[in-house]
Amino acid sequence: MEPRDLLAAGAPLILAEVGATRGSAPRDAGAWMLVAAEAVAGTIGGGQLEYMAIDRARVLLRRGFAAETMEVPLGPAIGQCCGGHVRLTLTPVDKGTAHMLEARMDAEEAAQPEVLVIGAGHVGRALAAALALLPVRVQLIDQRVAELALAAPGVPTTLSPLPEAEVAAARPGSAFVILTHDHALDFLVAAAALDRGDAAYVGMIGSETKLARFRSWRKQTGVRKDPAAGLTCPIGGPSGDKRPAVIAAHVAAEIIGRLGAPQAAVPEKAPTTRN
């Protein structure tokens, strides 16, 4: 169950949040989950730490206690070998806390980096489906209605006669993966992405030969410095496996590694509101 669903259900909830850590810990400060009598949404890292938090949260739900803090050493005593220390806060969710969590989730989703997958062929569709499971805002773009119609359920799609225009309109720091049905179009879109100068990742499907041709074409268009600087081609590393789903897995990992992990923000404490 997703946190929004659990909040909307209206059942009594406890917010379990990582307040601080020392040494090695499964999650950083700011990680949180919601605990209901018979459901959990989110995670603070799993393992015995999470089981302990869930058990204690359900005690609070049954007894109606106020907020409390747990100091948990992650060692042999609890069967978890991280070796660090975690401080957890357990807080009953009132209206103010629920609004704070909704606002935080909205802000986190709005801040997610954009990944434009240009080309809805077999690999493009597989990649968009893989990225849809990750904390990014994916968009599958193509000129062909029939190919977009084959996208996995839930994957946002854009029908565009000029994919390079979608590249130009993307937010700063976006990632671009180019895998259209036409090498000339690939070159135009890749050039548009590189010329922005602010892309977190620009990848183009192909071989070393295709990269050499792209570099030569860019020189002919007047690019004097390294004409392929910032371009990843081939994409996904040398796996040797050309199945679309496998290529997608490698490329998704490559993109996430380039985007980097955002720092978790600790939510501000909401004012206490009586239900």
Protein backbone atom coordinates (compact mmCIF):
# COMPACT_ATOMS: atom_id res chain seq x y z
CA MET A 1 0.00 0.00 0.00
CA GLU A 2 1.20 3.52 -0.79
CA PRO A 3 1.40 6.21 1.93
CA ARG A 4 -1.25 8.34 0.21
CA ASP A 5 -3.65 5.40 0.18
CA LEU A 6 -3.09 4.73 3.87
CA LEU A 7 -3.60 8.39 4.74
CA ALA A 8 -6.80 8.49 2.68
CA ALA A 9 -8.17 5.39 4.41
CA GLY A 10 -8.63 7.40 7.60
CA ALA A 11 -7.52 4.67 10.01
CA PRO A 12 -5.45 5.58 13.09
CA LEU A 13 -1.77 5.81 12.11
CA ILE A 14 1.66 6.19 13.62
CA LEU A 15 4.41 8.04 11.75
CA ALA A 16 7.73 6.24 12.30
CA GLU A 17 10.59 8.48 11.21
CA VAL A 18 14.37 8.29 11.29
CA GLY A 19 15.30 11.34 13.33
CA ALA A 20 19.08 10.89 13.37
CA THR A 21 21.75 8.28 12.63
CA ARG A 22 25.33 7.60 13.66
CA GLY A 23 27.60 5.29 11.71
CA SER A 24 26.15 2.83 9.23
CA ALA A 25 22.35 2.70 9.01
CA PRO A 26 19.83 1.34 6.47
CA ARG A 27 18.29 4.77 5.76
CA ASP A 28 19.24 8.39 6.37
CA ALA A 29 17.52 10.89 8.62
CA GLY A 30 14.14 11.84 7.20
CA ALA A 31 13.15 8.34 6.03
CA TRP A 32 9.68 7.45 7.26
CA MET A 33 6.82 5.01 7.14
CA LEU A 34 3.22 4.87 8.27
CA VAL A 35 1.97 2.08 10.50
CA ALA A 36 -1.68 1.10 10.89
CA ALA A 37 -3.12 -1.80 12.87
CA GLU A 38 -3.02 -4.07 9.83
CA ALA A 39 -1.00 -2.22 7.20
CA VAL A 40 2.32 -0.48 6.62
CA ALA A 41 3.31 2.04 3.93
CA GLY A 42 6.85 3.22 3.23
CA THR A 43 10.04 1.93 4.83
CA ILE A 44 12.77 2.98 7.24
CA GLY A 45 15.15 0.34 5.94
CA GLY A 46 13.71 -3.08 6.70
CA GLY A 47 15.22 -5.72 8.95
CA GLN A 48 14.83 -5.93 12.69
CA LEU A 49 14.87 -2.15 13.04
CA GLU A 50 11.70 -1.89 11.01
CA TYR A 51 10.02 -4.82 12.76
CA MET A 52 10.76 -3.22 16.13
CA ALA A 53 9.32 0.10 14.98
CA ILE A 54 6.18 -1.55 13.64
CA ASP A 55 5.65 -3.53 16.83
CA ARG A 56 6.10 -0.48 19.03
CA ALA A 57 3.90 1.67 16.78
CA ARG A 58 1.08 -0.85 17.11
CA VAL A 59 1.45 -0.81 20.89
CA LEU A 60 0.97 2.96 20.74
CA LEU A 61 -2.08 2.53 18.53
CA ARG A 62 -3.66 0.08 20.96
CA ARG A 63 -2.86 2.06 24.10
CA GLY A 64 -3.20 5.56 22.73
CA PHE A 65 0.15 6.77 24.04
CA ALA A 66 1.66 10.09 22.94
CA ALA A 67 4.76 10.41 20.74
CA GLU A 68 7.94 8.68 21.84
CA THR A 69 11.53 8.17 20.80
CA MET A 70 13.39 4.89 20.25
CA GLU A 71 17.19 4.70 20.45
CA VAL A 72 18.25 1.59 18.53
CA PRO A 73 21.86 0.30 18.28
CA LEU A 74 22.18 -1.76 15.10
CA GLY A 75 24.21 -4.64 16.43
CA PRO A 76 24.04 -8.32 17.36
CA ALA A 77 21.53 -7.66 20.14
CA ILE A 78 18.79 -7.14 17.55
CA GLY A 79 20.26 -9.35 14.83
CA GLN A 80 21.25 -6.46 12.57
CA CYS A 81 24.91 -5.95 11.73
CA CYS A 82 25.01 -2.40 10.32
CA GLY A 83 26.95 -1.32 13.39
CA GLY A 84 25.47 2.17 13.61
CA HIS A 85 22.80 3.77 15.73
CA VAL A 86 19.36 5.08 14.81
CA ARG A 87 17.00 7.39 16.64
CA LEU A 88 13.38 6.84 15.69
CA THR A 89 10.43 9.06 16.50
CA LEU A 90 6.96 7.55 16.70
CA THR A 91 4.19 10.11 16.34
CA PRO A 92 0.40 9.67 16.16
CA VAL A 93 -0.84 11.09 12.86
CA ASP A 94 -3.33 13.92 13.34
CA LYS A 95 -4.68 16.27 10.69
CA GLY A 96 -1.67 18.55 10.88
CA THR A 97 0.77 15.67 10.48
CA ALA A 98 -1.25 14.25 7.57
CA HIS A 99 -1.20 17.61 5.78
CA MET A 100 2.55 17.91 6.37
CA LEU A 101 3.14 14.45 4.87
CA GLU A 102 0.96 15.20 1.85
CA ALA A 103 2.87 18.44 1.26
CA ARG A 104 6.18 16.65 1.60
CA MET A 105 5.20 13.95 -0.89
CA ASP A 106 3.97 16.61 -3.33
CA ALA A 107 7.28 18.47 -3.03
CA GLU A 108 9.35 15.32 -3.46
CA GLU A 109 7.39 14.28 -6.55
CA ALA A 110 7.66 17.76 -8.06
CA ALA A 111 11.42 17.71 -7.51
CA GLN A 112 11.93 14.34 -9.18
CA PRO A 113 14.20 14.63 -12.22
CA GLU A 114 12.71 14.21 -15.66
CA VAL A 115 13.80 11.39 -17.94
CA LEU A 116 12.74 11.70 -21.56
CA VAL A 117 12.80 8.43 -23.47
CA ILE A 118 12.65 9.40 -27.13
CA GLY A 119 11.61 6.42 -29.20
CA ALA A 120 8.85 3.97 -28.31
CA GLY A 121 10.22 0.86 -29.95
CA HIS A 122 10.90 -2.36 -28.04
CA VAL A 123 13.81 -0.98 -26.02
CA GLY A 124 12.20 2.41 -25.44
CA ARG A 125 9.02 0.85 -24.09
CA ALA A 126 10.98 -1.53 -21.85
CA LEU A 127 13.12 1.33 -20.55
CA ALA A 128 10.12 3.57 -19.83
CA ALA A 129 8.46 0.72 -17.91
CA ALA A 130 11.62 0.16 -15.86
CA LEU A 131 12.01 3.86 -15.10
CA ALA A 132 8.35 4.16 -14.07
CA LEU A 133 9.23 2.13 -10.96
CA LEU A 134 11.95 4.59 -9.93
CA PRO A 135 11.80 8.08 -8.34
CA VAL A 136 11.91 9.94 -11.65
CA ARG A 137 9.32 11.55 -13.92
CA VAL A 138 9.52 9.51 -17.11
CA GLN A 139 8.02 10.52 -20.44
CA LEU A 140 7.93 8.19 -23.47
CA ILE A 141 7.98 10.25 -26.66
CA ASP A 142 7.43 9.19 -30.25
CA GLN A 143 6.05 10.34 -33.59
CA ARG A 144 4.12 7.09 -34.03
CA VAL A 145 0.69 6.56 -32.48
CA ALA A 146 0.82 2.79 -32.86
CA GLU A 147 4.09 2.42 -30.95
CA LEU A 148 2.97 4.66 -28.09
CA ALA A 149 -0.20 2.60 -27.79
CA LEU A 150 1.95 -0.40 -26.84
CA ALA A 151 3.45 1.33 -23.80
CA ALA A 152 3.02 -0.37 -20.44
CA PRO A 153 0.01 0.78 -18.38
CA GLY A 154 0.81 3.83 -16.30
CA VAL A 155 3.73 5.04 -18.44
CA PRO A 156 3.13 8.68 -19.50
CA THR A 157 3.39 9.10 -23.27
CA THR A 158 3.71 12.08 -25.59
CA LEU A 159 2.91 12.05 -29.30
CA SER A 160 5.20 14.62 -30.90
CA PRO A 161 6.08 15.27 -34.55
CA LEU A 162 9.23 17.07 -33.36
CA PRO A 163 10.87 15.18 -30.48
CA GLU A 164 13.70 17.73 -30.40
CA ALA A 165 11.10 20.33 -29.35
CA GLU A 166 10.25 18.17 -26.32
CA VAL A 167 13.95 18.09 -25.49
CA ALA A 168 14.15 21.88 -25.65
CA ALA A 169 11.16 22.23 -23.30
CA ALA A 170 12.48 19.84 -20.61
CA ARG A 171 13.56 21.10 -17.19
CA PRO A 172 17.23 21.78 -16.41
CA GLY A 173 19.03 18.69 -15.17
CA SER A 174 16.86 16.28 -17.12
CA ALA A 175 18.07 13.02 -18.62
CA PHE A 176 17.57 12.13 -22.28
CA VAL A 177 17.70 8.68 -23.86
CA ILE A 178 17.51 8.61 -27.65
CA LEU A 179 16.46 5.37 -29.36
CA THR A 180 14.21 6.24 -32.28
CA HIS A 181 13.56 4.26 -35.45
CA ASP A 182 15.71 6.63 -37.54
CA HIS A 183 19.46 7.29 -37.15
CA ALA A 184 19.15 10.79 -38.64
CA LEU A 185 16.45 11.63 -36.09
CA ASP A 186 18.61 10.16 -33.32
CA PHE A 187 21.40 12.54 -34.34
CA LEU A 188 19.11 15.60 -34.37
CA VAL A 189 17.63 14.80 -30.96
CA ALA A 190 21.00 13.95 -29.40
CA ALA A 191 22.45 17.22 -30.69
CA ALA A 192 19.51 19.15 -29.24
CA ALA A 193 20.05 17.49 -25.85
CA LEU A 194 23.81 18.13 -25.85
CA ASP A 195 23.42 21.74 -26.98
CA ARG A 196 21.30 22.52 -23.91
CA GLY A 197 24.43 22.24 -21.78
CA ASP A 198 22.53 21.32 -18.63
CA ALA A 199 21.52 17.69 -19.15
CA ALA A 200 22.32 15.22 -16.38
CA TYR A 201 22.57 12.43 -18.93
CA VAL A 202 22.38 12.12 -22.70
CA GLY A 203 22.42 8.60 -24.06
CA MET A 204 21.95 7.30 -27.60
CA ILE A 205 21.44 3.68 -28.52
CA GLY A 206 23.96 2.36 -31.00
CA SER A 207 27.49 1.16 -31.55
CA GLU A 208 30.96 2.66 -31.65
CA THR A 209 30.47 3.00 -35.41
CA LYS A 210 27.29 5.03 -34.89
CA LEU A 211 29.11 7.22 -32.37
CA ALA A 212 31.89 7.87 -34.90
CA ARG A 213 29.33 8.85 -37.52
CA PHE A 214 27.61 11.16 -35.05
CA ARG A 215 30.93 12.79 -34.19
CA SER A 216 31.70 13.29 -37.89
CA TRP A 217 28.26 14.75 -38.55
CA ARG A 218 28.59 17.17 -35.65
CA LYS A 219 31.92 18.40 -37.00
CA GLN A 220 30.25 19.07 -40.34
CA THR A 221 27.59 21.16 -38.58
CA GLY A 222 30.28 23.42 -37.13
CA VAL A 223 31.00 21.90 -33.69
CA ARG A 224 34.73 22.40 -33.25
CA LYS A 225 35.39 20.98 -29.78
CA ASP A 226 34.77 17.32 -28.96
CA PRO A 227 31.50 16.94 -30.93
CA ALA A 228 30.28 14.06 -28.78
CA ALA A 229 31.29 15.43 -25.37
CA GLY A 230 28.64 14.47 -22.82
CA LEU A 231 27.12 11.73 -24.97
CA THR A 232 26.90 8.14 -23.77
CA CYS A 233 26.90 5.77 -26.75
CA PRO A 234 26.59 2.81 -26.60
CA ILE A 235 24.26 2.93 -23.61
CA GLY A 236 23.94 0.46 -20.76
CA GLY A 237 27.51 -0.79 -20.64
CA PRO A 238 29.01 -3.88 -22.32
CA SER A 239 26.49 -6.48 -21.13
CA GLY A 240 26.40 -8.32 -24.45
CA ASP A 241 22.72 -9.18 -23.89
CA LYS A 242 20.54 -7.46 -26.49
CA ARG A 243 17.13 -8.40 -25.10
CA PRO A 244 15.11 -5.19 -24.62
CA ALA A 245 14.32 -5.81 -20.94
CA VAL A 246 17.98 -6.48 -20.13
CA ILE A 247 19.17 -3.41 -22.02
CA ALA A 248 16.50 -1.40 -20.17
CA ALA A 249 17.72 -2.63 -16.78
CA HIS A 250 21.32 -1.63 -17.54
CA VAL A 251 20.35 1.77 -18.94
CA ALA A 252 18.00 2.54 -16.03
CA ALA A 253 20.86 1.82 -13.61
CA GLU A 254 23.18 4.00 -15.68
CA ILE A 255 20.71 6.90 -15.60
CA ILE A 256 20.00 6.67 -11.88
CA GLY A 257 23.74 6.58 -11.19
CA ARG A 258 24.19 9.75 -13.21
CA LEU A 259 21.26 11.56 -11.61
CA GLY A 260 22.58 10.80 -8.13
CA ALA A 261 20.64 10.34 -4.90
CA PRO A 262 18.82 13.39 -3.54
CA GLN A 263 19.28 14.23 0.11
CA ALA A 264 16.23 13.39 2.17
CA ALA A 265 14.66 16.42 3.78
CA VAL A 266 13.46 16.10 7.33
CA PRO A 267 9.86 17.38 7.40
CA GLU A 268 9.02 20.27 9.61
CA LYS A 269 6.99 19.37 12.64
CA ALA A 270 3.36 20.18 12.11
CA PRO A 271 1.36 21.98 14.76
CA THR A 272 -0.75 19.68 16.86
CA THR A 273 -4.32 19.57 15.62
CA ARG A 274 -7.14 17.84 17.39
CA ASN A 275 -9.18 15.48 15.24
